[in-house]
């Protein structure tokens, strides 16, 4: 489970880094005189794309954290079960 947590944390960096590359320098004038009214929708679409990529990164990070926490609880339960078994086996 620890390995899955690490892999998810690593994978979470990719969308976050990619989101930084999505931003555009294209201004309204860059769309041309006839199409400049479409710039606002274009920019809004890019902003949503960036937010989605950042959200994906956050979701992967949270998933990794949850898997790590579950792994810790699982490990603690296994340790307790082993201790209980040893204790029961050592009674005479």
N, C-alpha and C. Protein backbone atom coordinates (compact mmCIF):
# COMPACT_ATOMS: atom_id res chain seq x y z
N UNK A 1 0.82 -1.19 0.00
CA UNK A 1 0.00 0.00 0.00
C UNK A 1 0.86 1.25 0.00
N UNK A 2 2.01 1.14 0.65
CA UNK A 2 2.91 2.29 0.68
C UNK A 2 3.40 2.61 -0.73
N UNK A 3 3.66 1.56 -1.50
CA UNK A 3 4.12 1.76 -2.87
C UNK A 3 3.05 2.46 -3.71
N UNK A 4 1.80 2.07 -3.51
CA UNK A 4 0.70 2.72 -4.23
C UNK A 4 0.60 4.18 -3.85
N UNK A 5 0.78 4.47 -2.57
CA UNK A 5 0.72 5.86 -2.11
C UNK A 5 1.81 6.69 -2.77
N UNK A 6 3.00 6.16 -2.84
CA UNK A 6 4.12 6.88 -3.46
C UNK A 6 3.87 7.10 -4.95
N UNK A 7 3.38 6.05 -5.64
CA UNK A 7 3.11 6.16 -7.08
C UNK A 7 2.02 7.19 -7.35
N UNK A 8 0.97 7.21 -6.52
CA UNK A 8 -0.09 8.19 -6.71
C UNK A 8 0.41 9.61 -6.45
N UNK A 9 1.27 9.77 -5.47
CA UNK A 9 1.85 11.09 -5.20
C UNK A 9 2.69 11.56 -6.38
N UNK A 10 3.44 10.64 -6.95
CA UNK A 10 4.23 10.99 -8.12
C UNK A 10 3.34 11.33 -9.31
N UNK A 11 2.29 10.53 -9.48
CA UNK A 11 1.37 10.76 -10.60
C UNK A 11 0.61 12.07 -10.44
N UNK A 12 0.39 12.50 -9.22
CA UNK A 12 -0.34 13.74 -8.96
C UNK A 12 0.44 14.96 -9.42
N UNK A 13 1.75 14.84 -9.50
CA UNK A 13 2.58 15.97 -9.94
C UNK A 13 2.42 16.25 -11.43
N UNK A 14 2.15 15.22 -12.21
CA UNK A 14 2.07 15.39 -13.67
C UNK A 14 0.96 16.34 -14.11
N UNK A 15 -0.29 16.17 -13.64
CA UNK A 15 -1.32 17.12 -14.08
C UNK A 15 -1.07 18.53 -13.56
N UNK A 16 -0.54 18.64 -12.35
CA UNK A 16 -0.27 19.96 -11.79
C UNK A 16 0.81 20.68 -12.61
N UNK A 17 1.85 19.96 -12.99
CA UNK A 17 2.91 20.55 -13.82
C UNK A 17 2.39 20.87 -15.21
N UNK A 18 1.56 19.98 -15.75
CA UNK A 18 0.99 20.20 -17.07
C UNK A 18 0.06 21.40 -17.10
N UNK A 19 -0.64 21.65 -16.01
CA UNK A 19 -1.57 22.77 -15.94
C UNK A 19 -0.84 24.10 -16.12
N UNK A 20 0.39 24.16 -15.67
CA UNK A 20 1.18 25.39 -15.81
C UNK A 20 1.49 25.69 -17.28
N UNK A 21 1.51 24.66 -18.10
CA UNK A 21 1.85 24.82 -19.51
C UNK A 21 0.65 25.16 -20.39
N UNK A 22 -0.55 25.05 -19.83
CA UNK A 22 -1.76 25.26 -20.61
C UNK A 22 -2.04 26.74 -20.84
N UNK A 23 -1.63 27.56 -19.92
CA UNK A 23 -1.93 29.00 -20.02
C UNK A 23 -1.48 29.55 -21.38
N UNK A 24 -2.23 30.50 -21.86
CA UNK A 24 -1.95 31.06 -23.17
C UNK A 24 -1.63 32.54 -23.08
N UNK A 25 -0.82 32.98 -23.97
CA UNK A 25 -0.49 34.40 -24.06
C UNK A 25 -1.32 35.08 -25.15
N UNK A 26 -2.21 34.32 -25.76
CA UNK A 26 -3.01 34.89 -26.85
C UNK A 26 -4.00 35.89 -26.27
N UNK A 27 -3.94 37.08 -26.76
CA UNK A 27 -4.85 38.15 -26.35
C UNK A 27 -6.03 38.20 -27.32
N UNK A 28 -7.00 38.97 -26.97
CA UNK A 28 -8.20 39.10 -27.81
C UNK A 28 -7.82 39.52 -29.23
N UNK A 29 -6.85 40.40 -29.34
CA UNK A 29 -6.43 40.88 -30.66
C UNK A 29 -5.84 39.76 -31.51
N UNK A 30 -5.28 38.75 -30.85
CA UNK A 30 -4.67 37.64 -31.55
C UNK A 30 -5.69 36.76 -32.29
N UNK A 31 -6.94 36.90 -31.95
CA UNK A 31 -7.99 36.15 -32.62
C UNK A 31 -8.42 36.81 -33.92
N UNK A 32 -7.95 38.00 -34.14
CA UNK A 32 -8.33 38.73 -35.35
C UNK A 32 -9.58 39.55 -35.13
N UNK A 33 -9.75 40.50 -35.99
CA UNK A 33 -10.85 41.44 -35.87
C UNK A 33 -12.20 40.74 -35.92
N UNK A 34 -12.34 39.75 -36.77
CA UNK A 34 -13.62 39.08 -36.98
C UNK A 34 -13.94 38.10 -35.85
N UNK A 35 -12.92 37.51 -35.22
CA UNK A 35 -13.15 36.44 -34.25
C UNK A 35 -12.84 36.84 -32.81
N UNK A 36 -12.50 38.08 -32.56
CA UNK A 36 -12.07 38.46 -31.22
C UNK A 36 -13.15 38.28 -30.15
N UNK A 37 -14.41 38.25 -30.55
CA UNK A 37 -15.48 38.05 -29.58
C UNK A 37 -15.45 36.63 -28.98
N UNK A 38 -14.72 35.72 -29.61
CA UNK A 38 -14.63 34.34 -29.12
C UNK A 38 -13.50 34.15 -28.10
N UNK A 39 -12.69 35.16 -27.90
CA UNK A 39 -11.56 35.04 -26.98
C UNK A 39 -12.02 34.73 -25.56
N UNK A 40 -13.09 35.35 -25.09
CA UNK A 40 -13.55 35.14 -23.71
C UNK A 40 -13.92 33.67 -23.48
N UNK A 41 -14.60 33.05 -24.42
CA UNK A 41 -14.97 31.64 -24.28
C UNK A 41 -13.73 30.75 -24.35
N UNK A 42 -12.80 31.11 -25.21
CA UNK A 42 -11.55 30.37 -25.33
C UNK A 42 -10.79 30.42 -24.01
N UNK A 43 -10.67 31.61 -23.44
CA UNK A 43 -9.96 31.79 -22.18
C UNK A 43 -10.68 31.06 -21.05
N UNK A 44 -12.01 31.14 -21.02
CA UNK A 44 -12.78 30.44 -19.99
C UNK A 44 -12.58 28.92 -20.10
N UNK A 45 -12.54 28.41 -21.32
CA UNK A 45 -12.31 26.99 -21.53
C UNK A 45 -10.94 26.56 -21.03
N UNK A 46 -9.93 27.37 -21.31
CA UNK A 46 -8.58 27.05 -20.82
C UNK A 46 -8.53 27.10 -19.30
N UNK A 47 -9.20 28.08 -18.72
CA UNK A 47 -9.22 28.18 -17.26
C UNK A 47 -9.87 26.94 -16.64
N UNK A 48 -10.93 26.44 -17.27
CA UNK A 48 -11.59 25.22 -16.77
C UNK A 48 -10.68 24.01 -16.94
N UNK A 49 -9.96 23.96 -18.03
CA UNK A 49 -9.03 22.86 -18.26
C UNK A 49 -7.94 22.86 -17.18
N UNK A 50 -7.38 24.02 -16.89
CA UNK A 50 -6.35 24.14 -15.86
C UNK A 50 -6.92 23.72 -14.50
N UNK A 51 -8.11 24.20 -14.17
CA UNK A 51 -8.73 23.83 -12.90
C UNK A 51 -8.96 22.32 -12.82
N UNK A 52 -9.37 21.72 -13.92
CA UNK A 52 -9.57 20.28 -13.94
C UNK A 52 -8.28 19.51 -13.72
N UNK A 53 -7.22 19.96 -14.34
CA UNK A 53 -5.92 19.30 -14.17
C UNK A 53 -5.43 19.44 -12.73
N UNK A 54 -5.61 20.62 -12.16
CA UNK A 54 -5.21 20.82 -10.76
C UNK A 54 -6.08 19.97 -9.83
N UNK A 55 -7.37 19.89 -10.15
CA UNK A 55 -8.26 19.06 -9.36
C UNK A 55 -7.89 17.59 -9.43
N UNK A 56 -7.48 17.13 -10.60
CA UNK A 56 -7.04 15.74 -10.75
C UNK A 56 -5.82 15.48 -9.87
N UNK A 57 -4.88 16.42 -9.90
CA UNK A 57 -3.69 16.27 -9.05
C UNK A 57 -4.05 16.19 -7.58
N UNK A 58 -4.98 17.03 -7.16
CA UNK A 58 -5.42 17.01 -5.75
C UNK A 58 -6.13 15.70 -5.41
N UNK A 59 -6.96 15.23 -6.33
CA UNK A 59 -7.68 13.98 -6.09
C UNK A 59 -6.71 12.80 -5.97
N UNK A 60 -5.69 12.78 -6.81
CA UNK A 60 -4.70 11.70 -6.74
C UNK A 60 -3.92 11.77 -5.43
N UNK A 61 -3.59 12.99 -5.01
CA UNK A 61 -2.88 13.17 -3.74
C UNK A 61 -3.74 12.68 -2.58
N UNK A 62 -5.02 13.05 -2.59
CA UNK A 62 -5.93 12.62 -1.52
C UNK A 62 -6.11 11.10 -1.52
N UNK A 63 -6.23 10.53 -2.71
CA UNK A 63 -6.36 9.08 -2.81
C UNK A 63 -5.12 8.38 -2.24
N UNK A 64 -3.97 8.90 -2.60
CA UNK A 64 -2.72 8.33 -2.08
C UNK A 64 -2.66 8.43 -0.56
N UNK A 65 -3.09 9.56 -0.02
CA UNK A 65 -3.11 9.73 1.43
C UNK A 65 -4.06 8.75 2.09
N UNK A 66 -5.22 8.54 1.48
CA UNK A 66 -6.18 7.58 2.03
C UNK A 66 -5.65 6.16 1.99
N UNK A 67 -4.98 5.81 0.91
CA UNK A 67 -4.39 4.47 0.81
C UNK A 67 -3.28 4.30 1.84
N UNK A 68 -2.49 5.35 2.04
CA UNK A 68 -1.43 5.28 3.04
C UNK A 68 -1.99 5.11 4.44
N UNK A 69 -3.07 5.85 4.75
CA UNK A 69 -3.70 5.73 6.07
C UNK A 69 -4.29 4.34 6.26
N UNK A 70 -4.94 3.83 5.22
CA UNK A 70 -5.51 2.48 5.30
C UNK A 70 -4.41 1.44 5.48
N UNK A 71 -3.30 1.63 4.80
CA UNK A 71 -2.17 0.71 4.94
C UNK A 71 -1.62 0.72 6.36
N UNK A 72 -1.57 1.90 6.96
CA UNK A 72 -1.10 2.00 8.34
C UNK A 72 -2.03 1.27 9.30
N UNK A 73 -3.34 1.43 9.10
CA UNK A 73 -4.32 0.75 9.96
C UNK A 73 -4.25 -0.76 9.74
N UNK A 74 -4.10 -1.17 8.51
CA UNK A 74 -3.99 -2.60 8.19
C UNK A 74 -2.76 -3.19 8.86
N UNK A 75 -1.67 -2.49 8.76
CA UNK A 75 -0.43 -2.96 9.35
C UNK A 75 -0.55 -3.05 10.88
N UNK A 76 -1.17 -2.05 11.49
CA UNK A 76 -1.37 -2.07 12.94
C UNK A 76 -2.26 -3.24 13.35
N UNK A 77 -3.31 -3.50 12.57
CA UNK A 77 -4.21 -4.62 12.88
C UNK A 77 -3.47 -5.95 12.74
N UNK A 78 -2.63 -6.07 11.74
CA UNK A 78 -1.84 -7.29 11.55
C UNK A 78 -0.88 -7.49 12.71
N UNK A 79 -0.23 -6.42 13.14
CA UNK A 79 0.69 -6.51 14.28
C UNK A 79 -0.05 -6.94 15.54
N UNK A 80 -1.23 -6.37 15.75
CA UNK A 80 -2.03 -6.73 16.93
C UNK A 80 -2.47 -8.19 16.86
N UNK A 81 -2.89 -8.63 15.68
CA UNK A 81 -3.31 -10.03 15.52
C UNK A 81 -2.14 -10.98 15.78
N UNK A 82 -0.97 -10.62 15.31
CA UNK A 82 0.21 -11.45 15.54
C UNK A 82 0.55 -11.51 17.02
N UNK A 83 0.47 -10.36 17.69
CA UNK A 83 0.75 -10.32 19.12
C UNK A 83 -0.26 -11.16 19.89
N UNK A 84 -1.55 -11.05 19.52
CA UNK A 84 -2.59 -11.84 20.18
C UNK A 84 -2.36 -13.34 19.96
N UNK A 85 -1.97 -13.71 18.76
CA UNK A 85 -1.72 -15.12 18.46
C UNK A 85 -0.52 -15.64 19.25
N UNK A 86 0.51 -14.85 19.35
CA UNK A 86 1.69 -15.25 20.12
C UNK A 86 1.34 -15.38 21.60
N UNK A 87 0.54 -14.45 22.09
CA UNK A 87 0.13 -14.47 23.49
C UNK A 87 -0.71 -15.72 23.78
N UNK A 88 -1.64 -16.00 22.89
CA UNK A 88 -2.50 -17.17 23.08
C UNK A 88 -1.69 -18.46 22.97
N UNK A 89 -0.72 -18.49 22.12
CA UNK A 89 0.10 -19.70 21.93
C UNK A 89 1.07 -19.93 23.06
N UNK A 90 1.39 -18.90 23.81
CA UNK A 90 2.36 -19.07 24.88
C UNK A 90 1.71 -19.41 26.22
N UNK A 91 0.38 -19.41 26.32
CA UNK A 91 -0.31 -19.77 27.57
C UNK A 91 -0.24 -21.28 27.76
N UNK A 92 -0.09 -21.68 29.00
CA UNK A 92 -0.02 -23.11 29.30
C UNK A 92 -1.06 -23.49 30.31
